[in-house]
Amino acid sequence: MIALLGTLFGSRPSPQCLDRLDADDDGAVTLSDAVYIGRSLYGRGPAIPPPFPVPGADPTPDALACPGS
């Protein structure tokens, strides 16, 4: 979540694979992803969709493709 917030607010460079930051899997990396992660981690929202909790390819198609995938 720290990497996501750093990317959104400009204190960290954007990673090559923005799809990894799209926690709510809506096809965009926004502040709602950080809220989704927080709610999921503290039991107040739905689970983060696959491939979480193990690294892997996103099973849903969207515009946030990763290099090499």
PDB file of N, CA and C in Angstrom:
ATOM      1  N   MET A   1       0.826  -1.181   0.000  1.00  0.00           N
ATOM      2  CA  MET A   1       0.000   0.000   0.000  1.00  0.00           C
ATOM      3  C   MET A   1       0.878   1.254   0.000  1.00  0.00           C
ATOM      4  N   ILE A   2       2.031   1.189   0.644  1.00  0.00           N
ATOM      5  CA  ILE A   2       2.939   2.334   0.680  1.00  0.00           C
ATOM      6  C   ILE A   2       3.447   2.646  -0.724  1.00  0.00           C
ATOM      7  N   ALA A   3       3.798   1.619  -1.485  1.00  0.00           N
ATOM      8  CA  ALA A   3       4.264   1.843  -2.864  1.00  0.00           C
ATOM      9  C   ALA A   3       3.163   2.473  -3.712  1.00  0.00           C
ATOM     10  N   LEU A   4       1.946   2.014  -3.521  1.00  0.00           N
ATOM     11  CA  LEU A   4       0.810   2.565  -4.264  1.00  0.00           C
ATOM     12  C   LEU A   4       0.624   4.042  -3.942  1.00  0.00           C
ATOM     13  N   LEU A   5       0.592   4.388  -2.669  1.00  0.00           N
ATOM     14  CA  LEU A   5       0.412   5.791  -2.282  1.00  0.00           C
ATOM     15  C   LEU A   5       1.573   6.655  -2.760  1.00  0.00           C
ATOM     16  N   GLY A   6       2.798   6.125  -2.670  1.00  0.00           N
ATOM     17  CA  GLY A   6       3.959   6.863  -3.161  1.00  0.00           C
ATOM     18  C   GLY A   6       3.880   7.124  -4.653  1.00  0.00           C
ATOM     19  N   THR A   7       3.390   6.144  -5.401  1.00  0.00           N
ATOM     20  CA  THR A   7       3.224   6.318  -6.847  1.00  0.00           C
ATOM     21  C   THR A   7       2.136   7.350  -7.147  1.00  0.00           C
ATOM     22  N   LEU A   8       1.023   7.259  -6.440  1.00  0.00           N
ATOM     23  CA  LEU A   8      -0.091   8.184  -6.688  1.00  0.00           C
ATOM     24  C   LEU A   8       0.268   9.628  -6.358  1.00  0.00           C
ATOM     25  N   PHE A   9       1.044   9.824  -5.292  1.00  0.00           N
ATOM     26  CA  PHE A   9       1.346  11.177  -4.850  1.00  0.00           C
ATOM     27  C   PHE A   9       2.729  11.666  -5.254  1.00  0.00           C
ATOM     28  N   GLY A  10       3.406  10.916  -6.130  1.00  0.00           N
ATOM     29  CA  GLY A  10       4.624  11.383  -6.766  1.00  0.00           C
ATOM     30  C   GLY A  10       5.914  11.246  -5.988  1.00  0.00           C
ATOM     31  N   SER A  11       5.919  10.556  -4.860  1.00  0.00           N
ATOM     32  CA  SER A  11       7.173  10.406  -4.130  1.00  0.00           C
ATOM     33  C   SER A  11       7.947   9.167  -4.573  1.00  0.00           C
ATOM     34  N   ARG A  12       7.324   8.335  -5.395  1.00  0.00           N
ATOM     35  CA  ARG A  12       7.985   7.158  -5.965  1.00  0.00           C
ATOM     36  C   ARG A  12       7.716   7.114  -7.457  1.00  0.00           C
ATOM     37  N   PRO A  13       8.668   6.634  -8.226  1.00  0.00           N
ATOM     38  CA  PRO A  13       8.402   6.503  -9.663  1.00  0.00           C
ATOM     39  C   PRO A  13       7.377   5.399  -9.910  1.00  0.00           C
ATOM     40  N   SER A  14       6.650   5.510 -10.995  1.00  0.00           N
ATOM     41  CA  SER A  14       5.670   4.482 -11.356  1.00  0.00           C
ATOM     42  C   SER A  14       6.400   3.195 -11.712  1.00  0.00           C
ATOM     43  N   PRO A  15       5.925   2.061 -11.213  1.00  0.00           N
ATOM     44  CA  PRO A  15       6.552   0.795 -11.587  1.00  0.00           C
ATOM     45  C   PRO A  15       6.234   0.451 -13.038  1.00  0.00           C
ATOM     46  N   GLN A  16       7.003  -0.460 -13.611  1.00  0.00           N
ATOM     47  CA  GLN A  16       6.757  -0.884 -14.983  1.00  0.00           C
ATOM     48  C   GLN A  16       5.406  -1.572 -15.111  1.00  0.00           C
ATOM     49  N   CYS A  17       4.954  -2.210 -14.056  1.00  0.00           N
ATOM     50  CA  CYS A  17       3.706  -2.970 -14.099  1.00  0.00           C
ATOM     51  C   CYS A  17       2.669  -2.323 -13.183  1.00  0.00           C
ATOM     52  N   LEU A  18       1.895  -1.397 -13.717  1.00  0.00           N
ATOM     53  CA  LEU A  18       0.864  -0.734 -12.922  1.00  0.00           C
ATOM     54  C   LEU A  18      -0.263  -1.678 -12.534  1.00  0.00           C
ATOM     55  N   ASP A  19      -0.434  -2.767 -13.268  1.00  0.00           N
ATOM     56  CA  ASP A  19      -1.494  -3.724 -12.959  1.00  0.00           C
ATOM     57  C   ASP A  19      -1.328  -4.283 -11.544  1.00  0.00           C
ATOM     58  N   ARG A  20      -0.114  -4.343 -11.057  1.00  0.00           N
ATOM     59  CA  ARG A  20       0.133  -4.833  -9.697  1.00  0.00           C
ATOM     60  C   ARG A  20      -0.455  -3.907  -8.640  1.00  0.00           C
ATOM     61  N   LEU A  21      -0.641  -2.650  -8.974  1.00  0.00           N
ATOM     62  CA  LEU A  21      -1.185  -1.692  -8.018  1.00  0.00           C
ATOM     63  C   LEU A  21      -2.704  -1.577  -8.082  1.00  0.00           C
ATOM     64  N   ASP A  22      -3.311  -2.203  -9.061  1.00  0.00           N
ATOM     65  CA  ASP A  22      -4.768  -2.122  -9.258  1.00  0.00           C
ATOM     66  C   ASP A  22      -5.463  -3.141  -8.362  1.00  0.00           C
ATOM     67  N   ALA A  23      -5.513  -2.867  -7.074  1.00  0.00           N
ATOM     68  CA  ALA A  23      -6.037  -3.827  -6.091  1.00  0.00           C
ATOM     69  C   ALA A  23      -7.513  -4.129  -6.270  1.00  0.00           C
ATOM     70  N   ASP A  24      -8.301  -3.157  -6.663  1.00  0.00           N
ATOM     71  CA  ASP A  24      -9.736  -3.411  -6.826  1.00  0.00           C
ATOM     72  C   ASP A  24     -10.079  -3.925  -8.220  1.00  0.00           C
ATOM     73  N   ASP A  25      -9.067  -4.090  -9.053  1.00  0.00           N
ATOM     74  CA  ASP A  25      -9.181  -4.697 -10.386  1.00  0.00           C
ATOM     75  C   ASP A  25     -10.212  -4.003 -11.275  1.00  0.00           C
ATOM     76  N   ASP A  26     -10.237  -2.656 -11.196  1.00  0.00           N
ATOM     77  CA  ASP A  26     -11.178  -1.913 -12.042  1.00  0.00           C
ATOM     78  C   ASP A  26     -10.521  -1.358 -13.306  1.00  0.00           C
ATOM     79  N   GLY A  27      -9.248  -1.693 -13.527  1.00  0.00           N
ATOM     80  CA  GLY A  27      -8.559  -1.263 -14.733  1.00  0.00           C
ATOM     81  C   GLY A  27      -7.899   0.093 -14.632  1.00  0.00           C
ATOM     82  N   ALA A  28      -7.853   0.687 -13.422  1.00  0.00           N
ATOM     83  CA  ALA A  28      -7.213   1.983 -13.220  1.00  0.00           C
ATOM     84  C   ALA A  28      -6.522   1.989 -11.860  1.00  0.00           C
ATOM     85  N   VAL A  29      -5.434   2.725 -11.759  1.00  0.00           N
ATOM     86  CA  VAL A  29      -4.721   2.867 -10.494  1.00  0.00           C
ATOM     87  C   VAL A  29      -5.086   4.231  -9.907  1.00  0.00           C
ATOM     88  N   THR A  30      -5.886   4.195  -8.834  1.00  0.00           N
ATOM     89  CA  THR A  30      -6.379   5.416  -8.202  1.00  0.00           C
ATOM     90  C   THR A  30      -6.332   5.258  -6.682  1.00  0.00           C
ATOM     91  N   LEU A  31      -6.719   6.307  -5.996  1.00  0.00           N
ATOM     92  CA  LEU A  31      -6.761   6.266  -4.538  1.00  0.00           C
ATOM     93  C   LEU A  31      -7.724   5.190  -4.034  1.00  0.00           C
ATOM     94  N   SER A  32      -8.719   4.845  -4.833  1.00  0.00           N
ATOM     95  CA  SER A  32      -9.656   3.796  -4.406  1.00  0.00           C
ATOM     96  C   SER A  32      -8.943   2.457  -4.205  1.00  0.00           C
ATOM     97  N   ASP A  33      -7.821   2.236  -4.888  1.00  0.00           N
ATOM     98  CA  ASP A  33      -7.055   1.005  -4.694  1.00  0.00           C
ATOM     99  C   ASP A  33      -6.455   0.957  -3.290  1.00  0.00           C
ATOM    100  N   ALA A  34      -5.940   2.071  -2.807  1.00  0.00           N
ATOM    101  CA  ALA A  34      -5.386   2.124  -1.448  1.00  0.00           C
ATOM    102  C   ALA A  34      -6.482   1.903  -0.415  1.00  0.00           C
ATOM    103  N   VAL A  35      -7.642   2.489  -0.630  1.00  0.00           N
ATOM    104  CA  VAL A  35      -8.776   2.296   0.280  1.00  0.00           C
ATOM    105  C   VAL A  35      -9.193   0.827   0.259  1.00  0.00           C
ATOM    106  N   TYR A  36      -9.245   0.232  -0.917  1.00  0.00           N
ATOM    107  CA  TYR A  36      -9.626  -1.171  -1.058  1.00  0.00           C
ATOM    108  C   TYR A  36      -8.663  -2.069  -0.273  1.00  0.00           C
ATOM    109  N   ILE A  37      -7.364  -1.812  -0.402  1.00  0.00           N
ATOM    110  CA  ILE A  37      -6.367  -2.603   0.328  1.00  0.00           C
ATOM    111  C   ILE A  37      -6.565  -2.452   1.831  1.00  0.00           C
ATOM    112  N   GLY A  38      -6.701  -1.221   2.296  1.00  0.00           N
ATOM    113  CA  GLY A  38      -6.879  -0.986   3.723  1.00  0.00           C
ATOM    114  C   GLY A  38      -8.121  -1.671   4.267  1.00  0.00           C
ATOM    115  N   ARG A  39      -9.209  -1.555   3.548  1.00  0.00           N
ATOM    116  CA  ARG A  39     -10.460  -2.190   4.001  1.00  0.00           C
ATOM    117  C   ARG A  39     -10.316  -3.711   4.017  1.00  0.00           C
ATOM    118  N   SER A  40      -9.637  -4.255   3.021  1.00  0.00           N
ATOM    119  CA  SER A  40      -9.454  -5.703   2.957  1.00  0.00           C
ATOM    120  C   SER A  40      -8.552  -6.189   4.099  1.00  0.00           C
ATOM    121  N   LEU A  41      -7.463  -5.491   4.333  1.00  0.00           N
ATOM    122  CA  LEU A  41      -6.518  -5.907   5.371  1.00  0.00           C
ATOM    123  C   LEU A  41      -7.113  -5.841   6.773  1.00  0.00           C
ATOM    124  N   TYR A  42      -8.011  -4.909   6.998  1.00  0.00           N
ATOM    125  CA  TYR A  42      -8.590  -4.754   8.334  1.00  0.00           C
ATOM    126  C   TYR A  42      -9.976  -5.384   8.457  1.00  0.00           C
ATOM    127  N   GLY A  43     -10.335  -6.250   7.503  1.00  0.00           N
ATOM    128  CA  GLY A  43     -11.561  -7.011   7.590  1.00  0.00           C
ATOM    129  C   GLY A  43     -12.839  -6.227   7.385  1.00  0.00           C
ATOM    130  N   ARG A  44     -12.754  -5.067   6.754  1.00  0.00           N
ATOM    131  CA  ARG A  44     -13.931  -4.233   6.540  1.00  0.00           C
ATOM    132  C   ARG A  44     -14.402  -4.230   5.085  1.00  0.00           C
ATOM    133  N   GLY A  45     -13.764  -5.037   4.256  1.00  0.00           N
ATOM    134  CA  GLY A  45     -14.127  -5.061   2.845  1.00  0.00           C
ATOM    135  C   GLY A  45     -13.832  -6.416   2.240  1.00  0.00           C
ATOM    136  N   PRO A  46     -14.108  -6.569   0.961  1.00  0.00           N
ATOM    137  CA  PRO A  46     -13.869  -7.855   0.293  1.00  0.00           C
ATOM    138  C   PRO A  46     -12.378  -8.158   0.164  1.00  0.00           C
ATOM    139  N   ALA A  47     -12.081  -9.406  -0.049  1.00  0.00           N
ATOM    140  CA  ALA A  47     -10.690  -9.834  -0.243  1.00  0.00           C
ATOM    141  C   ALA A  47     -10.126  -9.240  -1.531  1.00  0.00           C
ATOM    142  N   ILE A  48      -8.837  -9.041  -1.543  1.00  0.00           N
ATOM    143  CA  ILE A  48      -8.154  -8.583  -2.756  1.00  0.00           C
ATOM    144  C   ILE A  48      -8.216  -9.737  -3.757  1.00  0.00           C
ATOM    145  N   PRO A  49      -8.622  -9.461  -5.017  1.00  0.00           N
ATOM    146  CA  PRO A  49      -8.796 -10.543  -5.990  1.00  0.00           C
ATOM    147  C   PRO A  49      -7.475 -11.198  -6.397  1.00  0.00           C
ATOM    148  N   PRO A  50      -7.557 -12.421  -6.949  1.00  0.00           N
ATOM    149  CA  PRO A  50      -6.360 -13.118  -7.427  1.00  0.00           C
ATOM    150  C   PRO A  50      -5.601 -12.272  -8.439  1.00  0.00           C
ATOM    151  N   PRO A  51      -4.317 -12.407  -8.451  1.00  0.00           N
ATOM    152  CA  PRO A  51      -3.534 -13.515  -7.922  1.00  0.00           C
ATOM    153  C   PRO A  51      -3.136 -13.372  -6.454  1.00  0.00           C
ATOM    154  N   PHE A  52      -3.518 -12.288  -5.779  1.00  0.00           N
ATOM    155  CA  PHE A  52      -3.207 -12.141  -4.357  1.00  0.00           C
ATOM    156  C   PHE A  52      -3.734 -13.359  -3.609  1.00  0.00           C
ATOM    157  N   PRO A  53      -3.006 -13.922  -2.674  1.00  0.00           N
ATOM    158  CA  PRO A  53      -1.835 -13.437  -1.967  1.00  0.00           C
ATOM    159  C   PRO A  53      -0.500 -13.917  -2.520  1.00  0.00           C
ATOM    160  N   VAL A  54      -0.496 -14.676  -3.595  1.00  0.00           N
ATOM    161  CA  VAL A  54       0.780 -15.113  -4.183  1.00  0.00           C
ATOM    162  C   VAL A  54       1.036 -14.343  -5.470  1.00  0.00           C
ATOM    163  N   PRO A  55       2.285 -14.070  -5.800  1.00  0.00           N
ATOM    164  CA  PRO A  55       2.581 -13.370  -7.046  1.00  0.00           C
ATOM    165  C   PRO A  55       2.120 -14.191  -8.251  1.00  0.00           C
ATOM    166  N   GLY A  56       1.672 -13.486  -9.274  1.00  0.00           N
ATOM    167  CA  GLY A  56       1.254 -14.169 -10.485  1.00  0.00           C
ATOM    168  C   GLY A  56       0.593 -13.207 -11.442  1.00  0.00           C
ATOM    169  N   ALA A  57       0.181 -13.723 -12.561  1.00  0.00           N
ATOM    170  CA  ALA A  57      -0.461 -12.909 -13.584  1.00  0.00           C
ATOM    171  C   ALA A  57      -1.904 -12.596 -13.197  1.00  0.00           C
ATOM    172  N   ASP A  58      -2.358 -11.407 -13.544  1.00  0.00           N
ATOM    173  CA  ASP A  58      -3.737 -10.997 -13.306  1.00  0.00           C
ATOM    174  C   ASP A  58      -4.625 -11.794 -14.262  1.00  0.00           C
ATOM    175  N   PRO A  59      -5.604 -12.533 -13.721  1.00  0.00           N
ATOM    176  CA  PRO A  59      -6.442 -13.358 -14.601  1.00  0.00           C
ATOM    177  C   PRO A  59      -7.509 -12.574 -15.349  1.00  0.00           C
ATOM    178  N   THR A  60      -7.696 -11.291 -15.029  1.00  0.00           N
ATOM    179  CA  THR A  60      -8.731 -10.500 -15.705  1.00  0.00           C
ATOM    180  C   THR A  60      -8.090  -9.551 -16.695  1.00  0.00           C
ATOM    181  N   PRO A  61      -8.647  -9.442 -17.893  1.00  0.00           N
ATOM    182  CA  PRO A  61      -8.080  -8.535 -18.894  1.00  0.00           C
ATOM    183  C   PRO A  61      -8.423  -7.078 -18.574  1.00  0.00           C
ATOM    184  N   ASP A  62      -7.467  -6.195 -18.795  1.00  0.00           N
ATOM    185  CA  ASP A  62      -7.696  -4.755 -18.686  1.00  0.00           C
ATOM    186  C   ASP A  62      -6.581  -4.033 -19.420  1.00  0.00           C
ATOM    187  N   ALA A  63      -6.605  -2.739 -19.420  1.00  0.00           N
ATOM    188  CA  ALA A  63      -5.615  -1.944 -20.164  1.00  0.00           C
ATOM    189  C   ALA A  63      -4.283  -1.843 -19.449  1.00  0.00           C
ATOM    190  N   LEU A  64      -4.159  -2.373 -18.256  1.00  0.00           N
ATOM    191  CA  LEU A  64      -2.929  -2.250 -17.484  1.00  0.00           C
ATOM    192  C   LEU A  64      -2.031  -3.474 -17.662  1.00  0.00           C
ATOM    193  N   ALA A  65      -1.625  -3.736 -18.867  1.00  0.00           N
ATOM    194  CA  ALA A  65      -0.754  -4.883 -19.137  1.00  0.00           C
ATOM    195  C   ALA A  65       0.640  -4.619 -18.577  1.00  0.00           C
ATOM    196  N   CYS A  66       1.309  -5.701 -18.247  1.00  0.00           N
ATOM    197  CA  CYS A  66       2.678  -5.614 -17.737  1.00  0.00           C
ATOM    198  C   CYS A  66       3.657  -6.033 -18.816  1.00  0.00           C
ATOM    199  N   PRO A  67       4.838  -5.403 -18.838  1.00  0.00           N
ATOM    200  CA  PRO A  67       5.843  -5.830 -19.809  1.00  0.00           C
ATOM    201  C   PRO A  67       6.177  -7.311 -19.619  1.00  0.00           C
ATOM    202  N   GLY A  68       6.242  -8.030 -20.712  1.00  0.00           N
ATOM    203  CA  GLY A  68       6.594  -9.443 -20.665  1.00  0.00           C
ATOM    204  C   GLY A  68       5.432 -10.371 -20.361  1.00  0.00           C
ATOM    205  N   SER A  69       4.226  -9.825 -20.250  1.00  0.00           N
ATOM    206  CA  SER A  69       3.099 -10.731 -19.940  1.00  0.00           C
ATOM    207  C   SER A  69       2.154 -10.824 -21.119  1.00  0.00           C
TER     208      SER A  69
END
